[in-house]
Amino acid sequence: MKKVVSILFFVLFMVMMSACSADYDMGYVDEDSSDSNEVRLATGDLPDRKIIYDVDIDIDVEQLTEASDTLKTMIESDEWFDQEYISTHSHQYTIRIKTSRLDDFINDLKDEFDVRNYSKVGTDITVEYQDATNQILALEAQMERLLELYEDASISDMILINEQISNIEIELQSLNRTINSFDSLVEYSKVELSFYGESDTNRPPFLTRVANGFLSGIDAFIYVIDGLIVLIATIFPFVVVIGAVSGGVVIYIKKRNTKLLKDDKKQPKA
């Protein structure tokens, strides 16, 4: 059992060392970090570069609806819209375009429309991608070793080995999700596209606007009358109660004054 426990500690030590030394295994050199934040990659040690592209493009159009319809015909079946925002003056889209045809898509937009602003930014994630890949390989090697030890382990050792296997599986799941996310972002670029048109581009006809104004006026009138009726119904009980109390007070004062006047007349004059 001591031998198995010692091997387990050695395995854990190797995992920690592989994680700490991942930067060196990836083969990059940070030259003069005090003067520049640029990270230079050593040649020959890394796979193909992994770059995420983000495009921002603004386009002026005469007809917003027609421009949006044309845009949708330019999107292939395995591409999609992440977000759409439609307003009177603009149509804004977040689109996922295959990176392999991103430049062709942008050129098609420039040929079809009047582009106002355009920017394309690439973010190199090669180092992060290789770091996650190296960690996966190291964890899979440790998993194989633990499975070999499990075959000849005692019951108590099996418990310890199972705990380590569970921890490694959790780390592998997290790293694989990271890799899948990287792959998706690299394969499909994000395009933020905005169409801008005149405020009258989609303005309704004159008679339609007159009819809509008339109907809106009727709705506003009904809303005001409805509010007044509700207000009257709300304060009516208070008016009744206050009126009854006030009437009673007035009647009482009149009777008292009448009585005082009669008593005053009955008194003999000096």
C-alpha atoms as a PDB file:
ATOM      1  CA  MET A   1       0.000   0.000   0.000  1.00  0.00           C
ATOM      2  CA  LYS A   2       2.840   2.397   0.806  1.00  0.00           C
ATOM      3  CA  LYS A   3       4.217   1.815  -2.661  1.00  0.00           C
ATOM      4  CA  VAL A   4       0.876   2.684  -4.272  1.00  0.00           C
ATOM      5  CA  VAL A   5       0.453   5.798  -2.124  1.00  0.00           C
ATOM      6  CA  SER A   6       3.970   6.901  -3.029  1.00  0.00           C
ATOM      7  CA  ILE A   7       3.192   6.470  -6.709  1.00  0.00           C
ATOM      8  CA  LEU A   8       0.001   8.485  -6.289  1.00  0.00           C
ATOM      9  CA  PHE A   9       1.889  11.349  -4.691  1.00  0.00           C
ATOM     10  CA  PHE A  10       4.404  11.164  -7.528  1.00  0.00           C
ATOM     11  CA  VAL A  11       1.592  11.345 -10.083  1.00  0.00           C
ATOM     12  CA  LEU A  12       0.092  14.404  -8.376  1.00  0.00           C
ATOM     13  CA  PHE A  13       3.517  16.033  -8.255  1.00  0.00           C
ATOM     14  CA  MET A  14       3.976  15.454 -11.988  1.00  0.00           C
ATOM     15  CA  VAL A  15       0.559  16.993 -12.721  1.00  0.00           C
ATOM     16  CA  MET A  16       1.448  20.105 -10.744  1.00  0.00           C
ATOM     17  CA  MET A  17       4.836  20.364 -12.413  1.00  0.00           C
ATOM     18  CA  SER A  18       3.340  19.969 -15.890  1.00  0.00           C
ATOM     19  CA  ALA A  19       0.817  22.740 -15.191  1.00  0.00           C
ATOM     20  CA  CYS A  20       3.479  25.084 -13.811  1.00  0.00           C
ATOM     21  CA  SER A  21       5.862  24.458 -16.701  1.00  0.00           C
ATOM     22  CA  ALA A  22       3.225  24.654 -19.462  1.00  0.00           C
ATOM     23  CA  ASP A  23       4.579  28.006 -20.643  1.00  0.00           C
ATOM     24  CA  TYR A  24       8.007  26.488 -21.246  1.00  0.00           C
ATOM     25  CA  ASP A  25       6.566  23.409 -22.966  1.00  0.00           C
ATOM     26  CA  MET A  26       4.698  25.632 -25.419  1.00  0.00           C
ATOM     27  CA  GLY A  27       7.955  27.201 -26.503  1.00  0.00           C
ATOM     28  CA  TYR A  28       7.328  30.947 -26.426  1.00  0.00           C
ATOM     29  CA  VAL A  29       9.620  33.738 -25.352  1.00  0.00           C
ATOM     30  CA  ASP A  30       8.547  37.076 -23.889  1.00  0.00           C
ATOM     31  CA  GLU A  31      11.147  39.534 -25.096  1.00  0.00           C
ATOM     32  CA  ASP A  32      11.688  42.717 -23.083  1.00  0.00           C
ATOM     33  CA  SER A  33       8.307  42.675 -21.318  1.00  0.00           C
ATOM     34  CA  SER A  34       9.117  45.994 -19.623  1.00  0.00           C
ATOM     35  CA  ASP A  35       9.062  47.803 -22.990  1.00  0.00           C
ATOM     36  CA  SER A  36       6.504  45.793 -24.951  1.00  0.00           C
ATOM     37  CA  ASN A  37       3.521  43.523 -24.285  1.00  0.00           C
ATOM     38  CA  GLU A  38       4.084  41.614 -27.502  1.00  0.00           C
ATOM     39  CA  VAL A  39       4.646  37.862 -27.086  1.00  0.00           C
ATOM     40  CA  ARG A  40       6.911  36.320 -29.696  1.00  0.00           C
ATOM     41  CA  LEU A  41       6.411  32.651 -30.518  1.00  0.00           C
ATOM     42  CA  ALA A  42       9.330  30.308 -31.003  1.00  0.00           C
ATOM     43  CA  THR A  43       9.319  28.744 -34.465  1.00  0.00           C
ATOM     44  CA  GLY A  44       8.895  25.024 -34.962  1.00  0.00           C
ATOM     45  CA  ASP A  45       7.323  24.229 -31.585  1.00  0.00           C
ATOM     46  CA  LEU A  46       3.735  25.365 -32.126  1.00  0.00           C
ATOM     47  CA  PRO A  47       0.935  24.076 -34.405  1.00  0.00           C
ATOM     48  CA  ASP A  48      -0.951  26.258 -36.880  1.00  0.00           C
ATOM     49  CA  ARG A  49      -1.838  29.657 -35.491  1.00  0.00           C
ATOM     50  CA  LYS A  50      -5.261  29.996 -33.897  1.00  0.00           C
ATOM     51  CA  ILE A  51      -6.708  33.442 -34.599  1.00  0.00           C
ATOM     52  CA  ILE A  52     -10.131  34.836 -33.694  1.00  0.00           C
ATOM     53  CA  TYR A  53     -11.372  37.545 -36.075  1.00  0.00           C
ATOM     54  CA  ASP A  54     -13.846  40.306 -35.191  1.00  0.00           C
ATOM     55  CA  VAL A  55     -15.212  42.529 -37.949  1.00  0.00           C
ATOM     56  CA  ASP A  56     -17.134  45.791 -37.525  1.00  0.00           C
ATOM     57  CA  ILE A  57     -18.716  47.342 -40.620  1.00  0.00           C
ATOM     58  CA  ASP A  58     -21.142  50.262 -41.112  1.00  0.00           C
ATOM     59  CA  ILE A  59     -23.054  50.661 -44.378  1.00  0.00           C
ATOM     60  CA  ASP A  60     -25.241  53.484 -45.746  1.00  0.00           C
ATOM     61  CA  VAL A  61     -28.271  52.344 -47.756  1.00  0.00           C
ATOM     62  CA  GLU A  62     -31.351  53.895 -49.362  1.00  0.00           C
ATOM     63  CA  GLN A  63     -33.776  51.086 -48.533  1.00  0.00           C
ATOM     64  CA  LEU A  64     -33.203  49.335 -45.206  1.00  0.00           C
ATOM     65  CA  THR A  65     -35.571  46.447 -45.876  1.00  0.00           C
ATOM     66  CA  GLU A  66     -34.125  45.680 -49.293  1.00  0.00           C
ATOM     67  CA  ALA A  67     -30.567  45.829 -47.898  1.00  0.00           C
ATOM     68  CA  SER A  68     -31.442  43.396 -45.121  1.00  0.00           C
ATOM     69  CA  ASP A  69     -33.066  41.022 -47.603  1.00  0.00           C
ATOM     70  CA  THR A  70     -29.949  41.136 -49.775  1.00  0.00           C
ATOM     71  CA  LEU A  71     -27.735  40.463 -46.753  1.00  0.00           C
ATOM     72  CA  LYS A  72     -29.694  37.344 -45.832  1.00  0.00           C
ATOM     73  CA  THR A  73     -29.131  35.915 -49.311  1.00  0.00           C
ATOM     74  CA  MET A  74     -25.371  36.281 -48.732  1.00  0.00           C
ATOM     75  CA  ILE A  75     -25.420  34.070 -45.607  1.00  0.00           C
ATOM     76  CA  GLU A  76     -24.759  30.373 -46.211  1.00  0.00           C
ATOM     77  CA  SER A  77     -26.814  27.575 -44.660  1.00  0.00           C
ATOM     78  CA  ASP A  78     -24.190  26.722 -42.023  1.00  0.00           C
ATOM     79  CA  GLU A  79     -23.831  30.366 -40.940  1.00  0.00           C
ATOM     80  CA  TRP A  80     -26.216  32.275 -38.712  1.00  0.00           C
ATOM     81  CA  PHE A  81     -27.316  35.510 -37.027  1.00  0.00           C
ATOM     82  CA  ASP A  82     -26.462  35.770 -33.338  1.00  0.00           C
ATOM     83  CA  GLN A  83     -28.487  38.950 -32.913  1.00  0.00           C
ATOM     84  CA  GLU A  84     -30.754  41.290 -34.892  1.00  0.00           C
ATOM     85  CA  TYR A  85     -31.882  44.808 -33.929  1.00  0.00           C
ATOM     86  CA  ILE A  86     -34.362  46.595 -36.196  1.00  0.00           C
ATOM     87  CA  SER A  87     -35.298  50.271 -35.802  1.00  0.00           C
ATOM     88  CA  THR A  88     -36.658  53.060 -38.024  1.00  0.00           C
ATOM     89  CA  HIS A  89     -33.225  54.448 -38.841  1.00  0.00           C
ATOM     90  CA  SER A  90     -31.019  51.335 -38.775  1.00  0.00           C
ATOM     91  CA  HIS A  91     -30.805  47.545 -38.949  1.00  0.00           C
ATOM     92  CA  GLN A  92     -28.017  46.001 -36.869  1.00  0.00           C
ATOM     93  CA  TYR A  93     -26.807  42.396 -36.998  1.00  0.00           C
ATOM     94  CA  THR A  94     -24.291  40.142 -35.265  1.00  0.00           C
ATOM     95  CA  ILE A  95     -23.376  37.408 -37.739  1.00  0.00           C
ATOM     96  CA  ARG A  96     -21.224  34.270 -37.554  1.00  0.00           C
ATOM     97  CA  ILE A  97     -19.336  33.779 -40.828  1.00  0.00           C
ATOM     98  CA  LYS A  98     -16.973  30.924 -41.623  1.00  0.00           C
ATOM     99  CA  THR A  99     -13.439  32.258 -41.280  1.00  0.00           C
ATOM    100  CA  SER A 100     -12.395  30.427 -44.433  1.00  0.00           C
ATOM    101  CA  ARG A 101     -14.630  32.718 -46.512  1.00  0.00           C
ATOM    102  CA  LEU A 102     -14.597  35.833 -44.323  1.00  0.00           C
ATOM    103  CA  ASP A 103     -12.576  37.929 -46.778  1.00  0.00           C
ATOM    104  CA  ASP A 104     -14.829  36.933 -49.678  1.00  0.00           C
ATOM    105  CA  PHE A 105     -17.902  37.861 -47.651  1.00  0.00           C
ATOM    106  CA  ILE A 106     -16.462  41.288 -46.824  1.00  0.00           C
ATOM    107  CA  ASN A 107     -15.503  41.909 -50.447  1.00  0.00           C
ATOM    108  CA  ASP A 108     -19.041  41.007 -51.527  1.00  0.00           C
ATOM    109  CA  LEU A 109     -20.416  43.546 -49.049  1.00  0.00           C
ATOM    110  CA  LYS A 110     -18.080  46.240 -50.356  1.00  0.00           C
ATOM    111  CA  ASP A 111     -19.137  45.479 -53.938  1.00  0.00           C
ATOM    112  CA  GLU A 112     -22.847  45.497 -53.097  1.00  0.00           C
ATOM    113  CA  PHE A 113     -23.105  48.444 -50.675  1.00  0.00           C
ATOM    114  CA  ASP A 114     -21.637  51.829 -49.803  1.00  0.00           C
ATOM    115  CA  VAL A 115     -19.391  51.072 -46.805  1.00  0.00           C
ATOM    116  CA  ARG A 116     -18.988  53.929 -44.340  1.00  0.00           C
ATOM    117  CA  ASN A 117     -16.656  52.335 -41.754  1.00  0.00           C
ATOM    118  CA  TYR A 118     -14.789  49.037 -41.648  1.00  0.00           C
ATOM    119  CA  SER A 119     -12.430  47.344 -39.173  1.00  0.00           C
ATOM    120  CA  LYS A 120     -11.045  43.826 -38.795  1.00  0.00           C
ATOM    121  CA  VAL A 121      -9.236  42.712 -35.630  1.00  0.00           C
ATOM    122  CA  GLY A 122      -7.453  39.390 -35.152  1.00  0.00           C
ATOM    123  CA  THR A 123      -6.709  37.950 -31.708  1.00  0.00           C
ATOM    124  CA  ASP A 124      -4.014  35.253 -31.612  1.00  0.00           C
ATOM    125  CA  ILE A 125      -4.929  32.524 -29.083  1.00  0.00           C
ATOM    126  CA  THR A 126      -2.288  30.015 -30.214  1.00  0.00           C
ATOM    127  CA  VAL A 127      -0.497  30.063 -26.852  1.00  0.00           C
ATOM    128  CA  GLU A 128      -3.695  29.584 -24.837  1.00  0.00           C
ATOM    129  CA  TYR A 129      -4.852  26.831 -27.202  1.00  0.00           C
ATOM    130  CA  GLN A 130      -1.567  24.931 -26.965  1.00  0.00           C
ATOM    131  CA  ASP A 131      -1.494  25.375 -23.190  1.00  0.00           C
ATOM    132  CA  ALA A 132      -4.919  23.714 -22.869  1.00  0.00           C
ATOM    133  CA  THR A 133      -3.889  20.959 -25.299  1.00  0.00           C
ATOM    134  CA  ASN A 134      -0.712  20.201 -23.341  1.00  0.00           C
ATOM    135  CA  GLN A 135      -2.651  20.009 -20.088  1.00  0.00           C
ATOM    136  CA  ILE A 136      -5.114  17.558 -21.667  1.00  0.00           C
ATOM    137  CA  LEU A 137      -2.265  15.325 -22.858  1.00  0.00           C
ATOM    138  CA  ALA A 138      -0.610  15.386 -19.426  1.00  0.00           C
ATOM    139  CA  LEU A 139      -3.867  14.552 -17.643  1.00  0.00           C
ATOM    140  CA  GLU A 140      -4.647  11.714 -20.050  1.00  0.00           C
ATOM    141  CA  ALA A 141      -1.192  10.226 -19.397  1.00  0.00           C
ATOM    142  CA  GLN A 142      -1.801  10.427 -15.647  1.00  0.00           C
ATOM    143  CA  MET A 143      -5.199   8.804 -16.144  1.00  0.00           C
ATOM    144  CA  GLU A 144      -3.614   5.846 -17.962  1.00  0.00           C
ATOM    145  CA  ARG A 145      -1.103   5.383 -15.164  1.00  0.00           C
ATOM    146  CA  LEU A 146      -3.818   5.478 -12.495  1.00  0.00           C
ATOM    147  CA  LEU A 147      -5.851   2.884 -14.382  1.00  0.00           C
ATOM    148  CA  GLU A 148      -2.807   0.597 -14.467  1.00  0.00           C
ATOM    149  CA  LEU A 149      -2.333   0.971 -10.713  1.00  0.00           C
ATOM    150  CA  TYR A 150      -6.019   0.317 -10.121  1.00  0.00           C
ATOM    151  CA  GLU A 151      -5.778  -3.233 -11.466  1.00  0.00           C
ATOM    152  CA  ASP A 152      -3.461  -4.452  -8.649  1.00  0.00           C
ATOM    153  CA  ALA A 153      -4.522  -2.039  -5.892  1.00  0.00           C
ATOM    154  CA  SER A 154      -6.103  -2.930  -2.583  1.00  0.00           C
ATOM    155  CA  ILE A 155      -9.563  -1.698  -1.576  1.00  0.00           C
ATOM    156  CA  SER A 156      -8.208   1.307   0.314  1.00  0.00           C
ATOM    157  CA  ASP A 157      -5.898   2.168  -2.571  1.00  0.00           C
ATOM    158  CA  MET A 158      -8.781   1.865  -5.036  1.00  0.00           C
ATOM    159  CA  ILE A 159     -10.641   4.549  -3.087  1.00  0.00           C
ATOM    160  CA  LEU A 160      -7.685   6.931  -3.361  1.00  0.00           C
ATOM    161  CA  ILE A 161      -7.202   6.145  -7.038  1.00  0.00           C
ATOM    162  CA  ASN A 162     -10.897   6.700  -7.785  1.00  0.00           C
ATOM    163  CA  GLU A 163     -10.750  10.112  -6.120  1.00  0.00           C
ATOM    164  CA  GLN A 164      -7.795  11.106  -8.289  1.00  0.00           C
ATOM    165  CA  ILE A 165      -9.482   9.769 -11.416  1.00  0.00           C
ATOM    166  CA  SER A 166     -12.634  11.799 -10.642  1.00  0.00           C
ATOM    167  CA  ASN A 167     -10.584  14.982 -10.189  1.00  0.00           C
ATOM    168  CA  ILE A 168      -8.759  14.378 -13.474  1.00  0.00           C
ATOM    169  CA  GLU A 169     -12.050  13.739 -15.316  1.00  0.00           C
ATOM    170  CA  ILE A 170     -13.443  17.055 -14.052  1.00  0.00           C
ATOM    171  CA  GLU A 171     -10.336  18.914 -15.225  1.00  0.00           C
ATOM    172  CA  LEU A 172     -10.471  17.162 -18.599  1.00  0.00           C
ATOM    173  CA  GLN A 173     -14.116  18.140 -19.098  1.00  0.00           C
ATOM    174  CA  SER A 174     -13.317  21.780 -18.356  1.00  0.00           C
ATOM    175  CA  LEU A 175     -10.304  21.806 -20.684  1.00  0.00           C
ATOM    176  CA  ASN A 176     -12.226  20.090 -23.480  1.00  0.00           C
ATOM    177  CA  ARG A 177     -14.978  22.719 -23.204  1.00  0.00           C
ATOM    178  CA  THR A 178     -12.299  25.392 -23.516  1.00  0.00           C
ATOM    179  CA  ILE A 179     -10.837  23.727 -26.606  1.00  0.00           C
ATOM    180  CA  ASN A 180     -14.291  23.358 -28.193  1.00  0.00           C
ATOM    181  CA  SER A 181     -15.018  27.022 -27.524  1.00  0.00           C
ATOM    182  CA  PHE A 182     -11.682  28.036 -29.070  1.00  0.00           C
ATOM    183  CA  ASP A 183     -12.355  25.869 -32.125  1.00  0.00           C
ATOM    184  CA  SER A 184     -15.787  27.441 -32.644  1.00  0.00           C
ATOM    185  CA  LEU A 185     -14.469  31.005 -32.303  1.00  0.00           C
ATOM    186  CA  VAL A 186     -11.605  30.285 -34.688  1.00  0.00           C
ATOM    187  CA  GLU A 187     -13.770  28.525 -37.277  1.00  0.00           C
ATOM    188  CA  TYR A 188     -16.545  31.146 -37.245  1.00  0.00           C
ATOM    189  CA  SER A 189     -15.694  34.848 -37.152  1.00  0.00           C
ATOM    190  CA  LYS A 190     -17.997  37.450 -35.625  1.00  0.00           C
ATOM    191  CA  VAL A 191     -19.235  40.232 -37.913  1.00  0.00           C
ATOM    192  CA  GLU A 192     -20.972  43.273 -36.414  1.00  0.00           C
ATOM    193  CA  LEU A 193     -22.859  44.832 -39.333  1.00  0.00           C
ATOM    194  CA  SER A 194     -25.054  47.950 -39.277  1.00  0.00           C
ATOM    195  CA  PHE A 195     -27.222  49.350 -42.072  1.00  0.00           C
ATOM    196  CA  TYR A 196     -28.057  53.065 -41.798  1.00  0.00           C
ATOM    197  CA  GLY A 197     -30.822  54.742 -43.831  1.00  0.00           C
ATOM    198  CA  GLU A 198     -32.892  57.929 -43.906  1.00  0.00           C
ATOM    199  CA  SER A 199     -35.735  58.323 -41.413  1.00  0.00           C
ATOM    200  CA  ASP A 200     -38.234  58.413 -44.320  1.00  0.00           C
ATOM    201  CA  THR A 201     -36.929  55.136 -45.790  1.00  0.00           C
ATOM    202  CA  ASN A 202     -39.784  53.050 -44.385  1.00  0.00           C
ATOM    203  CA  ARG A 203     -42.258  55.884 -43.715  1.00  0.00           C
ATOM    204  CA  PRO A 204     -45.936  54.861 -44.190  1.00  0.00           C
ATOM    205  CA  PRO A 205     -48.106  56.631 -46.825  1.00  0.00           C
ATOM    206  CA  PHE A 206     -49.814  59.944 -45.933  1.00  0.00           C
ATOM    207  CA  LEU A 207     -53.360  58.542 -45.663  1.00  0.00           C
ATOM    208  CA  THR A 208     -52.114  55.688 -43.494  1.00  0.00           C
ATOM    209  CA  ARG A 209     -50.441  58.157 -41.137  1.00  0.00           C
ATOM    210  CA  VAL A 210     -53.640  60.304 -41.009  1.00  0.00           C
ATOM    211  CA  ALA A 211     -55.753  57.251 -40.195  1.00  0.00           C
ATOM    212  CA  ASN A 212     -53.286  56.115 -37.556  1.00  0.00           C
ATOM    213  CA  GLY A 213     -53.332  59.619 -36.015  1.00  0.00           C
ATOM    214  CA  PHE A 214     -57.143  59.687 -35.934  1.00  0.00           C
ATOM    215  CA  LEU A 215     -57.298  56.257 -34.291  1.00  0.00           C
ATOM    216  CA  SER A 216     -54.653  57.295 -31.799  1.00  0.00           C
ATOM    217  CA  GLY A 217     -56.712  60.395 -30.955  1.00  0.00           C
ATOM    218  CA  ILE A 218     -59.811  58.281 -30.324  1.00  0.00           C
ATOM    219  CA  ASP A 219     -57.830  55.938 -28.121  1.00  0.00           C
ATOM    220  CA  ALA A 220     -56.454  58.912 -26.161  1.00  0.00           C
ATOM    221  CA  PHE A 221     -59.976  60.422 -25.740  1.00  0.00           C
ATOM    222  CA  ILE A 222     -61.393  57.096 -24.514  1.00  0.00           C
ATOM    223  CA  TYR A 223     -58.439  56.745 -22.152  1.00  0.00           C
ATOM    224  CA  VAL A 224     -59.092  60.215 -20.650  1.00  0.00           C
ATOM    225  CA  ILE A 225     -62.852  59.584 -20.243  1.00  0.00           C
ATOM    226  CA  ASP A 226     -62.133  56.204 -18.713  1.00  0.00           C
ATOM    227  CA  GLY A 227     -59.752  57.825 -16.243  1.00  0.00           C
ATOM    228  CA  LEU A 228     -62.273  60.512 -15.282  1.00  0.00           C
ATOM    229  CA  ILE A 229     -65.007  57.921 -14.657  1.00  0.00           C
ATOM    230  CA  VAL A 230     -62.701  55.875 -12.488  1.00  0.00           C
ATOM    231  CA  LEU A 231     -61.643  59.032 -10.600  1.00  0.00           C
ATOM    232  CA  ILE A 232     -65.276  60.065  -9.976  1.00  0.00           C
ATOM    233  CA  ALA A 233     -66.182  56.563  -8.827  1.00  0.00           C
ATOM    234  CA  THR A 234     -63.198  56.612  -6.472  1.00  0.00           C
ATOM    235  CA  ILE A 235     -63.956  59.943  -4.777  1.00  0.00           C
ATOM    236  CA  PHE A 236     -67.800  59.595  -4.770  1.00  0.00           C
ATOM    237  CA  PRO A 237     -68.000  57.785  -1.378  1.00  0.00           C
ATOM    238  CA  PHE A 238     -65.867  60.508   0.208  1.00  0.00           C
ATOM    239  CA  VAL A 239     -68.116  63.237  -1.274  1.00  0.00           C
ATOM    240  CA  VAL A 240     -71.252  61.522   0.101  1.00  0.00           C
ATOM    241  CA  VAL A 241     -69.828  61.110   3.585  1.00  0.00           C
ATOM    242  CA  ILE A 242     -68.371  64.617   3.734  1.00  0.00           C
ATOM    243  CA  GLY A 243     -71.632  66.088   2.312  1.00  0.00           C
ATOM    244  CA  ALA A 244     -73.762  64.273   4.883  1.00  0.00           C
ATOM    245  CA  VAL A 245     -71.564  65.396   7.772  1.00  0.00           C
ATOM    246  CA  SER A 246     -71.437  68.971   6.487  1.00  0.00           C
ATOM    247  CA  GLY A 247     -75.260  69.045   6.009  1.00  0.00           C
ATOM    248  CA  GLY A 248     -75.800  67.749   9.522  1.00  0.00           C
ATOM    249  CA  VAL A 249     -73.509  70.400  10.959  1.00  0.00           C
ATOM    250  CA  VAL A 250     -75.283  73.167   9.015  1.00  0.00           C
ATOM    251  CA  ILE A 251     -78.732  71.970  10.146  1.00  0.00           C
ATOM    252  CA  TYR A 252     -77.550  71.789  13.742  1.00  0.00           C
ATOM    253  CA  ILE A 253     -76.148  75.308  13.634  1.00  0.00           C
ATOM    254  CA  LYS A 254     -79.361  76.700  12.090  1.00  0.00           C
ATOM    255  CA  LYS A 255     -81.553  75.054  14.742  1.00  0.00           C
ATOM    256  CA  ARG A 256     -79.333  76.324  17.517  1.00  0.00           C
ATOM    257  CA  ASN A 257     -79.360  79.864  16.142  1.00  0.00           C
ATOM    258  CA  THR A 258     -83.169  79.738  15.755  1.00  0.00           C
ATOM    259  CA  LYS A 259     -83.585  78.584  19.333  1.00  0.00           C
ATOM    260  CA  LEU A 260     -81.278  81.284  20.652  1.00  0.00           C
ATOM    261  CA  LEU A 261     -83.229  83.899  18.690  1.00  0.00           C
ATOM    262  CA  LYS A 262     -86.550  82.757  20.150  1.00  0.00           C
ATOM    263  CA  ASP A 263     -85.156  82.762  23.688  1.00  0.00           C
ATOM    264  CA  ASP A 264     -83.858  86.254  23.164  1.00  0.00           C
ATOM    265  CA  LYS A 265     -87.310  87.512  22.078  1.00  0.00           C
ATOM    266  CA  LYS A 266     -89.028  85.985  25.094  1.00  0.00           C
ATOM    267  CA  GLN A 267     -86.817  87.894  27.531  1.00  0.00           C
ATOM    268  CA  PRO A 268     -88.494  91.185  28.840  1.00  0.00           C
ATOM    269  CA  LYS A 269     -86.980  94.379  27.666  1.00  0.00           C
ATOM    270  CA  ALA A 270     -85.410  96.542  30.355  1.00  0.00           C
END
